Amino acid sequence: MEEFNTLEKVKKLFDEKGCPSSNSIYVALLKDLRKYSGMVSGMEYPYTGLLLNISDEGIGYFYLNQPKFSLRIFMEKLVVDKDSYTFIKSDDIKSIEVKKFALLDKKRRSLIIKTNNKKTHYLYGYINDELLPYHNEEFAKLIEKYSKNKT
């Protein structure tokens, strides 16, 4: 987590890869690690979470992984795979949607990113994350922009 615990470190990571602009930066985790674990989903979702940078130009992201397999994700144990940087141009993004994670869960939101090549990232993010202060304000903006139901 040391690689992405401050906004300055995260901006430097994205700048080094030539990401168009450091706009909204936050962390989103794989929605259901138990459902998406295993050999097949390991190829489909080779990450535990994503370090995202969503801008008007598109989405830049790095994979976040835990060094050891666990059914529970520990934010403080995640590491950035610096070779995994990917950029999806705005034209290649079919939709971005933010929904309630679960009926009674007020701490998280689901984030669903669909691309034109039929790839879908099912993620979730914490509304407030004590370990990543920069995440809180940026994720709130994302919720406001992409939620159909603002509650």
C-alpha atoms as a PDB file:
ATOM      1  CA  MET A   1       0.000   0.000   0.000  1.00  0.00           C
ATOM      2  CA  GLU A   2       3.011   2.253   0.417  1.00  0.00           C
ATOM      3  CA  GLU A   3       3.008   2.919  -3.355  1.00  0.00           C
ATOM      4  CA  PHE A   4      -0.447   4.504  -3.337  1.00  0.00           C
ATOM      5  CA  ASN A   5      -1.095   5.839   0.179  1.00  0.00           C
ATOM      6  CA  THR A   6      -0.762   9.522  -0.799  1.00  0.00           C
ATOM      7  CA  LEU A   7      -2.143  11.513  -3.701  1.00  0.00           C
ATOM      8  CA  GLU A   8       1.349  12.666  -4.697  1.00  0.00           C
ATOM      9  CA  LYS A   9       2.580   9.058  -5.040  1.00  0.00           C
ATOM     10  CA  VAL A  10      -0.468   8.075  -7.081  1.00  0.00           C
ATOM     11  CA  LYS A  11      -0.183  11.058  -9.428  1.00  0.00           C
ATOM     12  CA  LYS A  12       3.478  10.194  -9.977  1.00  0.00           C
ATOM     13  CA  LEU A  13       2.535   6.580 -10.864  1.00  0.00           C
ATOM     14  CA  PHE A  14       0.037   7.764 -13.487  1.00  0.00           C
ATOM     15  CA  ASP A  15       2.323  10.529 -14.790  1.00  0.00           C
ATOM     16  CA  GLU A  16       5.140   8.006 -15.330  1.00  0.00           C
ATOM     17  CA  LYS A  17       2.836   6.026 -17.628  1.00  0.00           C
ATOM     18  CA  GLY A  18       1.662   9.114 -19.560  1.00  0.00           C
ATOM     19  CA  CYS A  19      -1.913   8.986 -18.320  1.00  0.00           C
ATOM     20  CA  PRO A  20      -3.696  11.977 -19.960  1.00  0.00           C
ATOM     21  CA  SER A  21      -4.657  13.728 -16.729  1.00  0.00           C
ATOM     22  CA  SER A  22      -4.764  12.962 -13.044  1.00  0.00           C
ATOM     23  CA  ASN A  23      -8.398  13.692 -12.475  1.00  0.00           C
ATOM     24  CA  SER A  24     -10.474  11.464 -10.183  1.00  0.00           C
ATOM     25  CA  ILE A  25      -8.202   8.955  -8.495  1.00  0.00           C
ATOM     26  CA  TYR A  26      -9.425   6.256  -6.130  1.00  0.00           C
ATOM     27  CA  VAL A  27      -9.290   2.558  -5.322  1.00  0.00           C
ATOM     28  CA  ALA A  28     -11.975   0.019  -6.216  1.00  0.00           C
ATOM     29  CA  LEU A  29     -11.869  -3.645  -5.241  1.00  0.00           C
ATOM     30  CA  LEU A  30     -13.086  -6.781  -7.007  1.00  0.00           C
ATOM     31  CA  LYS A  31     -16.749  -7.144  -6.096  1.00  0.00           C
ATOM     32  CA  ASP A  32     -16.841 -10.720  -4.869  1.00  0.00           C
ATOM     33  CA  LEU A  33     -13.459 -12.372  -4.495  1.00  0.00           C
ATOM     34  CA  ARG A  34     -15.033 -15.762  -3.728  1.00  0.00           C
ATOM     35  CA  LYS A  35     -17.156 -15.681  -6.891  1.00  0.00           C
ATOM     36  CA  TYR A  36     -14.342 -14.501  -9.146  1.00  0.00           C
ATOM     37  CA  SER A  37     -11.468 -16.536  -7.735  1.00  0.00           C
ATOM     38  CA  GLY A  38     -10.104 -19.629  -9.441  1.00  0.00           C
ATOM     39  CA  MET A  39      -8.188 -20.380 -12.637  1.00  0.00           C
ATOM     40  CA  VAL A  40     -10.739 -19.118 -15.194  1.00  0.00           C
ATOM     41  CA  SER A  41     -11.567 -15.916 -13.388  1.00  0.00           C
ATOM     42  CA  GLY A  42      -7.889 -15.439 -12.603  1.00  0.00           C
ATOM     43  CA  MET A  43      -7.419 -14.923 -16.316  1.00  0.00           C
ATOM     44  CA  GLU A  44     -10.536 -12.764 -16.589  1.00  0.00           C
ATOM     45  CA  TYR A  45      -9.832 -10.739 -13.444  1.00  0.00           C
ATOM     46  CA  PRO A  46      -6.088 -10.935 -12.706  1.00  0.00           C
ATOM     47  CA  TYR A  47      -6.362  -8.443  -9.867  1.00  0.00           C
ATOM     48  CA  THR A  48      -7.841  -7.950  -6.419  1.00  0.00           C
ATOM     49  CA  GLY A  49      -8.600  -4.288  -7.021  1.00  0.00           C
ATOM     50  CA  LEU A  50      -7.859  -1.377  -9.318  1.00  0.00           C
ATOM     51  CA  LEU A  51      -6.179   1.959  -8.752  1.00  0.00           C
ATOM     52  CA  LEU A  52      -8.334   4.072 -11.062  1.00  0.00           C
ATOM     53  CA  ASN A  53      -7.901   7.443 -12.714  1.00  0.00           C
ATOM     54  CA  ILE A  54     -11.122   8.417 -14.489  1.00  0.00           C
ATOM     55  CA  SER A  55     -10.933  11.517 -16.660  1.00  0.00           C
ATOM     56  CA  ASP A  56     -12.733  12.969 -19.670  1.00  0.00           C
ATOM     57  CA  GLU A  57     -10.171  11.277 -21.919  1.00  0.00           C
ATOM     58  CA  GLY A  58     -10.846   7.811 -20.477  1.00  0.00           C
ATOM     59  CA  ILE A  59      -9.848   5.485 -17.652  1.00  0.00           C
ATOM     60  CA  GLY A  60      -6.293   4.672 -16.667  1.00  0.00           C
ATOM     61  CA  TYR A  61      -5.739   1.930 -14.124  1.00  0.00           C
ATOM     62  CA  PHE A  62      -3.220  -0.284 -12.392  1.00  0.00           C
ATOM     63  CA  TYR A  63      -3.925  -3.728 -10.939  1.00  0.00           C
ATOM     64  CA  LEU A  64      -3.788  -4.034  -7.160  1.00  0.00           C
ATOM     65  CA  ASN A  65      -3.066  -7.483  -5.737  1.00  0.00           C
ATOM     66  CA  GLN A  66      -2.531  -9.128  -2.384  1.00  0.00           C
ATOM     67  CA  PRO A  67       0.706 -11.108  -2.273  1.00  0.00           C
ATOM     68  CA  LYS A  68      -1.060 -14.053  -0.604  1.00  0.00           C
ATOM     69  CA  PHE A  69      -4.511 -15.437  -1.471  1.00  0.00           C
ATOM     70  CA  SER A  70      -7.237 -14.593   1.001  1.00  0.00           C
ATOM     71  CA  LEU A  71     -11.037 -14.570   0.859  1.00  0.00           C
ATOM     72  CA  ARG A  72     -10.897 -11.181   2.554  1.00  0.00           C
ATOM     73  CA  ILE A  73      -9.228  -8.133   1.037  1.00  0.00           C
ATOM     74  CA  PHE A  74      -6.883  -6.175   3.265  1.00  0.00           C
ATOM     75  CA  MET A  75      -6.261  -2.713   1.821  1.00  0.00           C
ATOM     76  CA  GLU A  76      -2.992  -2.321   3.724  1.00  0.00           C
ATOM     77  CA  LYS A  77      -1.611  -5.491   2.088  1.00  0.00           C
ATOM     78  CA  LEU A  78      -2.354  -4.520  -1.514  1.00  0.00           C
ATOM     79  CA  VAL A  79       0.528  -3.770  -3.853  1.00  0.00           C
ATOM     80  CA  VAL A  80       0.534  -2.011  -7.228  1.00  0.00           C
ATOM     81  CA  ASP A  81       1.492  -4.040 -10.284  1.00  0.00           C
ATOM     82  CA  LYS A  82       3.367  -1.241 -12.063  1.00  0.00           C
ATOM     83  CA  ASP A  83       3.569  -3.246 -15.317  1.00  0.00           C
ATOM     84  CA  SER A  84      -0.219  -3.635 -15.530  1.00  0.00           C
ATOM     85  CA  TYR A  85      -1.060  -0.049 -16.506  1.00  0.00           C
ATOM     86  CA  THR A  86      -3.939   0.081 -18.970  1.00  0.00           C
ATOM     87  CA  PHE A  87      -5.740   3.018 -20.529  1.00  0.00           C
ATOM     88  CA  ILE A  88      -9.241   2.759 -21.976  1.00  0.00           C
ATOM     89  CA  LYS A  89     -10.194   5.680 -24.227  1.00  0.00           C
ATOM     90  CA  SER A  90     -13.573   7.319 -23.633  1.00  0.00           C
ATOM     91  CA  ASP A  91     -14.771   6.086 -27.032  1.00  0.00           C
ATOM     92  CA  ASP A  92     -14.151   2.484 -25.905  1.00  0.00           C
ATOM     93  CA  ILE A  93     -16.201   2.805 -22.699  1.00  0.00           C
ATOM     94  CA  LYS A  94     -19.783   1.638 -23.058  1.00  0.00           C
ATOM     95  CA  SER A  95     -20.941   2.667 -19.569  1.00  0.00           C
ATOM     96  CA  ILE A  96     -19.951   3.486 -16.017  1.00  0.00           C
ATOM     97  CA  GLU A  97     -22.532   2.917 -13.322  1.00  0.00           C
ATOM     98  CA  VAL A  98     -22.527   3.321  -9.551  1.00  0.00           C
ATOM     99  CA  LYS A  99     -25.175   1.484  -7.505  1.00  0.00           C
ATOM    100  CA  LYS A 100     -25.834   0.503  -3.924  1.00  0.00           C
ATOM    101  CA  PHE A 101     -23.590  -2.397  -2.971  1.00  0.00           C
ATOM    102  CA  ALA A 102     -26.209  -4.129  -0.826  1.00  0.00           C
ATOM    103  CA  LEU A 103     -29.566  -3.142   0.581  1.00  0.00           C
ATOM    104  CA  LEU A 104     -28.387  -2.267   4.090  1.00  0.00           C
ATOM    105  CA  ASP A 105     -24.731  -1.473   3.294  1.00  0.00           C
ATOM    106  CA  LYS A 106     -24.165   2.274   3.555  1.00  0.00           C
ATOM    107  CA  LYS A 107     -20.355   2.035   3.557  1.00  0.00           C
ATOM    108  CA  ARG A 108     -19.784   0.758  -0.002  1.00  0.00           C
ATOM    109  CA  ARG A 109     -20.972   1.307  -3.556  1.00  0.00           C
ATOM    110  CA  SER A 110     -20.800  -1.002  -6.561  1.00  0.00           C
ATOM    111  CA  LEU A 111     -18.911   0.317  -9.565  1.00  0.00           C
ATOM    112  CA  ILE A 112     -19.616  -1.354 -12.904  1.00  0.00           C
ATOM    113  CA  ILE A 113     -17.476  -0.417 -15.891  1.00  0.00           C
ATOM    114  CA  LYS A 114     -18.455  -1.888 -19.267  1.00  0.00           C
ATOM    115  CA  THR A 115     -16.312  -1.545 -22.358  1.00  0.00           C
ATOM    116  CA  ASN A 116     -17.190  -1.893 -26.047  1.00  0.00           C
ATOM    117  CA  ASN A 117     -15.142  -5.114 -26.260  1.00  0.00           C
ATOM    118  CA  LYS A 118     -17.693  -6.736 -23.883  1.00  0.00           C
ATOM    119  CA  LYS A 119     -15.373  -6.701 -20.839  1.00  0.00           C
ATOM    120  CA  THR A 120     -17.087  -5.775 -17.569  1.00  0.00           C
ATOM    121  CA  HIS A 121     -15.321  -4.825 -14.348  1.00  0.00           C
ATOM    122  CA  TYR A 122     -17.519  -5.533 -11.305  1.00  0.00           C
ATOM    123  CA  LEU A 123     -15.973  -3.539  -8.479  1.00  0.00           C
ATOM    124  CA  TYR A 124     -16.854  -1.874  -5.232  1.00  0.00           C
ATOM    125  CA  GLY A 125     -15.455   1.055  -3.341  1.00  0.00           C
ATOM    126  CA  TYR A 126     -15.693   2.296   0.208  1.00  0.00           C
ATOM    127  CA  ILE A 127     -17.363   5.688   0.486  1.00  0.00           C
ATOM    128  CA  ASN A 128     -14.909   6.651   3.234  1.00  0.00           C
ATOM    129  CA  ASP A 129     -11.543   4.980   3.505  1.00  0.00           C
ATOM    130  CA  GLU A 130      -9.423   5.942   6.510  1.00  0.00           C
ATOM    131  CA  LEU A 131      -6.241   4.585   4.906  1.00  0.00           C
ATOM    132  CA  LEU A 132      -6.599   6.610   1.673  1.00  0.00           C
ATOM    133  CA  PRO A 133      -7.748  10.183   2.415  1.00  0.00           C
ATOM    134  CA  TYR A 134      -7.582  11.285  -1.251  1.00  0.00           C
ATOM    135  CA  HIS A 135     -10.026   8.512  -2.169  1.00  0.00           C
ATOM    136  CA  ASN A 136     -12.952   9.890  -0.136  1.00  0.00           C
ATOM    137  CA  GLU A 137     -13.519  13.166  -1.979  1.00  0.00           C
ATOM    138  CA  GLU A 138     -12.888  11.679  -5.410  1.00  0.00           C
ATOM    139  CA  PHE A 139     -15.152   8.661  -4.878  1.00  0.00           C
ATOM    140  CA  ALA A 140     -17.940  10.980  -3.686  1.00  0.00           C
ATOM    141  CA  LYS A 141     -17.643  12.876  -6.994  1.00  0.00           C
ATOM    142  CA  LEU A 142     -17.842   9.589  -8.913  1.00  0.00           C
ATOM    143  CA  ILE A 143     -20.965   8.557  -7.014  1.00  0.00           C
ATOM    144  CA  GLU A 144     -22.582  11.898  -7.764  1.00  0.00           C
ATOM    145  CA  LYS A 145     -21.718  11.763 -11.462  1.00  0.00           C
ATOM    146  CA  TYR A 146     -22.598   8.133 -12.251  1.00  0.00           C
ATOM    147  CA  SER A 147     -25.390   7.183  -9.813  1.00  0.00           C
ATOM    148  CA  LYS A 148     -28.910   6.936 -11.137  1.00  0.00           C
ATOM    149  CA  ASN A 149     -30.255   6.856  -7.594  1.00  0.00           C
ATOM    150  CA  LYS A 150     -28.344   9.387  -5.485  1.00  0.00           C
ATOM    151  CA  THR A 151     -29.265   7.876  -2.086  1.00  0.00           C
END
